[in-house]
Amino acid sequence: MRKVLLLTVMCFALLGSAIAQQSVSGTVVSESDGLGLPGVTISEKGTGNGVLTDTNGKFSIKVASGKSTLVFSFIGMQAVEESVNDR
C-alpha cells in the first residue's frame, strides 16, 4: 500500500513539473543583413538548459513558466539576456 501511495505522489509531482514549462521558439538574425545566425547558444539563465540555433538561426527551448531569462551568446559577440515573462 505504501509503495502504491509513493508511486502516485511521484507521478503527480512529475506531472506538475512538466506542466510548469513553456516552449519558446524564434529566429536569431544578424543586425547587419537580417540573415539567420547558425550556432548561437541559447540557455536558460541559472540552469543547465540550453540549445543551439540551426543553420537558419531557428531555435526552440522549453523553459520554466514565469520569469525565465534567456541568454544568447555567440563567439566573438557580447552575450545578450532577454526576459521571457510568459510571452
N, C-alpha and C. Protein backbone atom coordinates (compact mmCIF):
# COMPACT_ATOMS: atom_id res chain seq x y z
N MET A 1 0.81 -1.19 0.00
CA MET A 1 0.00 0.00 0.00
C MET A 1 0.86 1.26 0.00
N ARG A 2 1.93 1.26 0.80
CA ARG A 2 2.81 2.43 0.85
C ARG A 2 3.50 2.66 -0.47
N LYS A 3 3.86 1.57 -1.17
CA LYS A 3 4.52 1.70 -2.47
C LYS A 3 3.60 2.34 -3.49
N VAL A 4 2.34 1.94 -3.48
CA VAL A 4 1.36 2.50 -4.41
C VAL A 4 1.16 3.98 -4.13
N LEU A 5 1.04 4.34 -2.87
CA LEU A 5 0.87 5.74 -2.48
C LEU A 5 2.08 6.56 -2.90
N LEU A 6 3.27 6.05 -2.65
CA LEU A 6 4.50 6.74 -3.01
C LEU A 6 4.60 6.93 -4.53
N LEU A 7 4.26 5.90 -5.28
CA LEU A 7 4.29 5.97 -6.74
C LEU A 7 3.29 7.01 -7.25
N THR A 8 2.11 7.05 -6.66
CA THR A 8 1.09 8.03 -7.06
C THR A 8 1.57 9.45 -6.80
N VAL A 9 2.14 9.70 -5.64
CA VAL A 9 2.65 11.03 -5.29
C VAL A 9 3.76 11.44 -6.25
N MET A 10 4.65 10.52 -6.60
CA MET A 10 5.75 10.83 -7.52
C MET A 10 5.21 11.18 -8.91
N CYS A 11 4.19 10.48 -9.36
CA CYS A 11 3.58 10.76 -10.67
C CYS A 11 2.99 12.16 -10.71
N PHE A 12 2.29 12.54 -9.64
CA PHE A 12 1.72 13.89 -9.59
C PHE A 12 2.81 14.96 -9.54
N ALA A 13 3.89 14.70 -8.86
CA ALA A 13 4.99 15.66 -8.79
C ALA A 13 5.63 15.85 -10.16
N LEU A 14 5.85 14.76 -10.88
CA LEU A 14 6.42 14.86 -12.23
C LEU A 14 5.47 15.55 -13.19
N LEU A 15 4.20 15.28 -13.09
CA LEU A 15 3.22 15.92 -13.94
C LEU A 15 3.18 17.42 -13.68
N GLY A 16 3.26 17.81 -12.42
CA GLY A 16 3.26 19.22 -12.07
C GLY A 16 4.46 19.95 -12.63
N SER A 17 5.62 19.32 -12.61
CA SER A 17 6.82 19.99 -13.14
C SER A 17 6.78 20.06 -14.66
N ALA A 18 6.16 19.10 -15.32
CA ALA A 18 6.04 19.14 -16.78
C ALA A 18 5.08 20.22 -17.22
N ILE A 19 4.03 20.45 -16.45
CA ILE A 19 3.05 21.47 -16.79
C ILE A 19 3.62 22.86 -16.58
N ALA A 20 4.55 23.02 -15.67
CA ALA A 20 5.11 24.32 -15.33
C ALA A 20 6.18 24.77 -16.32
N GLN A 21 6.17 24.24 -17.52
CA GLN A 21 7.13 24.64 -18.54
C GLN A 21 6.40 25.23 -19.73
N GLN A 22 7.10 26.08 -20.46
CA GLN A 22 6.56 26.63 -21.69
C GLN A 22 7.63 26.54 -22.77
N SER A 23 7.19 26.46 -23.99
CA SER A 23 8.10 26.37 -25.11
C SER A 23 8.31 27.76 -25.70
N VAL A 24 9.56 28.11 -25.93
CA VAL A 24 9.91 29.39 -26.55
C VAL A 24 10.66 29.07 -27.83
N SER A 25 10.25 29.71 -28.92
CA SER A 25 10.94 29.49 -30.19
C SER A 25 11.10 30.81 -30.91
N GLY A 26 12.04 30.84 -31.83
CA GLY A 26 12.28 32.07 -32.58
C GLY A 26 13.43 31.90 -33.54
N THR A 27 13.88 33.00 -34.08
CA THR A 27 14.98 33.03 -35.03
C THR A 27 15.95 34.13 -34.61
N VAL A 28 17.23 33.80 -34.56
CA VAL A 28 18.27 34.78 -34.26
C VAL A 28 18.85 35.24 -35.59
N VAL A 29 18.78 36.56 -35.83
CA VAL A 29 19.25 37.11 -37.11
C VAL A 29 20.34 38.14 -36.89
N SER A 30 21.13 38.32 -37.92
CA SER A 30 22.20 39.32 -37.91
C SER A 30 21.59 40.71 -38.04
N GLU A 31 22.09 41.65 -37.25
CA GLU A 31 21.59 43.02 -37.31
C GLU A 31 21.97 43.68 -38.63
N SER A 32 23.11 43.30 -39.18
CA SER A 32 23.60 43.98 -40.38
C SER A 32 22.87 43.57 -41.66
N ASP A 33 22.58 42.27 -41.84
CA ASP A 33 21.95 41.84 -43.09
C ASP A 33 20.65 41.06 -42.91
N GLY A 34 20.23 40.80 -41.68
CA GLY A 34 18.97 40.14 -41.42
C GLY A 34 18.96 38.64 -41.67
N LEU A 35 20.11 38.05 -41.94
CA LEU A 35 20.18 36.61 -42.17
C LEU A 35 20.28 35.86 -40.85
N GLY A 36 19.73 34.63 -40.83
CA GLY A 36 19.78 33.80 -39.63
C GLY A 36 21.20 33.43 -39.25
N LEU A 37 21.47 33.39 -37.94
CA LEU A 37 22.81 33.06 -37.45
C LEU A 37 22.84 31.62 -36.92
N PRO A 38 23.59 30.73 -37.57
CA PRO A 38 23.71 29.36 -37.07
C PRO A 38 24.70 29.27 -35.91
N GLY A 39 24.45 28.36 -34.97
CA GLY A 39 25.41 28.10 -33.90
C GLY A 39 25.35 29.05 -32.72
N VAL A 40 24.30 29.85 -32.61
CA VAL A 40 24.15 30.72 -31.44
C VAL A 40 23.66 29.85 -30.28
N THR A 41 24.24 30.02 -29.10
CA THR A 41 23.83 29.27 -27.92
C THR A 41 22.76 30.05 -27.19
N ILE A 42 21.63 29.38 -26.93
CA ILE A 42 20.54 29.97 -26.15
C ILE A 42 20.40 29.12 -24.90
N SER A 43 20.55 29.75 -23.72
CA SER A 43 20.45 29.00 -22.47
C SER A 43 19.52 29.72 -21.50
N GLU A 44 18.88 28.93 -20.64
CA GLU A 44 18.03 29.49 -19.61
C GLU A 44 18.93 29.86 -18.43
N LYS A 45 18.93 31.11 -18.06
CA LYS A 45 19.81 31.61 -17.00
C LYS A 45 19.56 30.87 -15.70
N GLY A 46 20.66 30.44 -15.05
CA GLY A 46 20.57 29.77 -13.77
C GLY A 46 20.29 28.28 -13.85
N THR A 47 20.26 27.72 -15.06
CA THR A 47 20.02 26.29 -15.24
C THR A 47 21.04 25.74 -16.23
N GLY A 48 21.03 24.46 -16.43
CA GLY A 48 21.88 23.82 -17.43
C GLY A 48 21.14 23.60 -18.74
N ASN A 49 19.97 24.19 -18.87
CA ASN A 49 19.10 24.02 -20.02
C ASN A 49 19.57 24.93 -21.16
N GLY A 50 19.85 24.35 -22.33
CA GLY A 50 20.29 25.16 -23.46
C GLY A 50 20.17 24.45 -24.79
N VAL A 51 20.17 25.26 -25.86
CA VAL A 51 20.09 24.74 -27.23
C VAL A 51 20.97 25.60 -28.14
N LEU A 52 21.17 25.12 -29.37
CA LEU A 52 21.88 25.87 -30.40
C LEU A 52 20.92 26.18 -31.54
N THR A 53 21.15 27.30 -32.23
CA THR A 53 20.33 27.60 -33.40
C THR A 53 20.75 26.69 -34.56
N ASP A 54 19.79 26.40 -35.45
CA ASP A 54 20.08 25.56 -36.62
C ASP A 54 20.75 26.41 -37.71
N THR A 55 20.88 25.87 -38.90
CA THR A 55 21.58 26.57 -39.99
C THR A 55 20.87 27.83 -40.44
N ASN A 56 19.58 27.96 -40.12
CA ASN A 56 18.81 29.16 -40.49
C ASN A 56 18.62 30.11 -39.32
N GLY A 57 19.23 29.81 -38.17
CA GLY A 57 19.12 30.66 -36.99
C GLY A 57 17.90 30.38 -36.13
N LYS A 58 17.15 29.30 -36.43
CA LYS A 58 15.93 28.99 -35.67
C LYS A 58 16.26 28.14 -34.45
N PHE A 59 15.43 28.33 -33.39
CA PHE A 59 15.61 27.56 -32.17
C PHE A 59 14.27 27.33 -31.50
N SER A 60 14.24 26.35 -30.59
CA SER A 60 13.09 26.08 -29.74
C SER A 60 13.63 25.51 -28.43
N ILE A 61 13.16 26.06 -27.30
CA ILE A 61 13.64 25.64 -25.99
C ILE A 61 12.47 25.63 -25.02
N LYS A 62 12.44 24.67 -24.12
CA LYS A 62 11.42 24.62 -23.06
C LYS A 62 12.03 25.24 -21.81
N VAL A 63 11.32 26.23 -21.25
CA VAL A 63 11.79 26.92 -20.05
C VAL A 63 10.71 26.88 -18.99
N ALA A 64 11.11 27.17 -17.76
CA ALA A 64 10.16 27.24 -16.65
C ALA A 64 9.19 28.40 -16.91
N SER A 65 7.91 28.17 -16.60
CA SER A 65 6.92 29.24 -16.76
C SER A 65 7.22 30.37 -15.80
N GLY A 66 6.83 31.55 -16.19
CA GLY A 66 7.04 32.71 -15.32
C GLY A 66 8.15 33.60 -15.82
N LYS A 67 9.02 33.97 -14.92
CA LYS A 67 10.05 34.96 -15.22
C LYS A 67 11.39 34.31 -15.56
N SER A 68 11.44 33.57 -16.64
CA SER A 68 12.70 32.99 -17.09
C SER A 68 13.46 34.02 -17.92
N THR A 69 14.77 33.89 -17.93
CA THR A 69 15.61 34.76 -18.74
C THR A 69 16.44 33.89 -19.67
N LEU A 70 16.45 34.24 -20.96
CA LEU A 70 17.27 33.53 -21.94
C LEU A 70 18.54 34.32 -22.18
N VAL A 71 19.66 33.59 -22.28
CA VAL A 71 20.95 34.21 -22.57
C VAL A 71 21.39 33.74 -23.96
N PHE A 72 21.61 34.70 -24.86
CA PHE A 72 22.04 34.42 -26.22
C PHE A 72 23.53 34.75 -26.31
N SER A 73 24.34 33.75 -26.71
CA SER A 73 25.78 34.00 -26.83
C SER A 73 26.31 33.41 -28.13
N PHE A 74 27.31 34.09 -28.67
CA PHE A 74 27.90 33.72 -29.96
C PHE A 74 29.38 34.09 -29.90
N ILE A 75 30.23 33.28 -30.50
CA ILE A 75 31.66 33.52 -30.45
C ILE A 75 31.99 34.90 -31.02
N GLY A 76 32.75 35.67 -30.26
CA GLY A 76 33.18 36.99 -30.71
C GLY A 76 32.16 38.09 -30.49
N MET A 77 31.01 37.76 -29.90
CA MET A 77 29.96 38.75 -29.66
C MET A 77 29.65 38.82 -28.17
N GLN A 78 29.11 39.95 -27.75
CA GLN A 78 28.70 40.12 -26.36
C GLN A 78 27.39 39.36 -26.13
N ALA A 79 27.29 38.67 -25.00
CA ALA A 79 26.07 37.92 -24.66
C ALA A 79 24.92 38.89 -24.42
N VAL A 80 23.71 38.47 -24.80
CA VAL A 80 22.50 39.28 -24.63
C VAL A 80 21.51 38.48 -23.80
N GLU A 81 20.92 39.13 -22.78
CA GLU A 81 19.90 38.50 -21.95
C GLU A 81 18.54 39.06 -22.32
N GLU A 82 17.55 38.16 -22.41
CA GLU A 82 16.19 38.57 -22.77
C GLU A 82 15.20 37.86 -21.85
N SER A 83 14.33 38.62 -21.19
CA SER A 83 13.31 38.03 -20.31
C SER A 83 12.19 37.41 -21.13
N VAL A 84 11.68 36.26 -20.68
CA VAL A 84 10.58 35.61 -21.37
C VAL A 84 9.26 36.20 -20.89
N ASN A 85 9.06 36.30 -19.57
CA ASN A 85 7.86 36.89 -18.96
C ASN A 85 6.55 36.40 -19.57
N ASP A 86 6.40 35.07 -19.72
CA ASP A 86 5.18 34.45 -20.23
C ASP A 86 4.77 34.94 -21.63
N ARG A 87 5.74 35.34 -22.46
CA ARG A 87 5.40 35.75 -23.83
C ARG A 87 5.26 34.53 -24.69
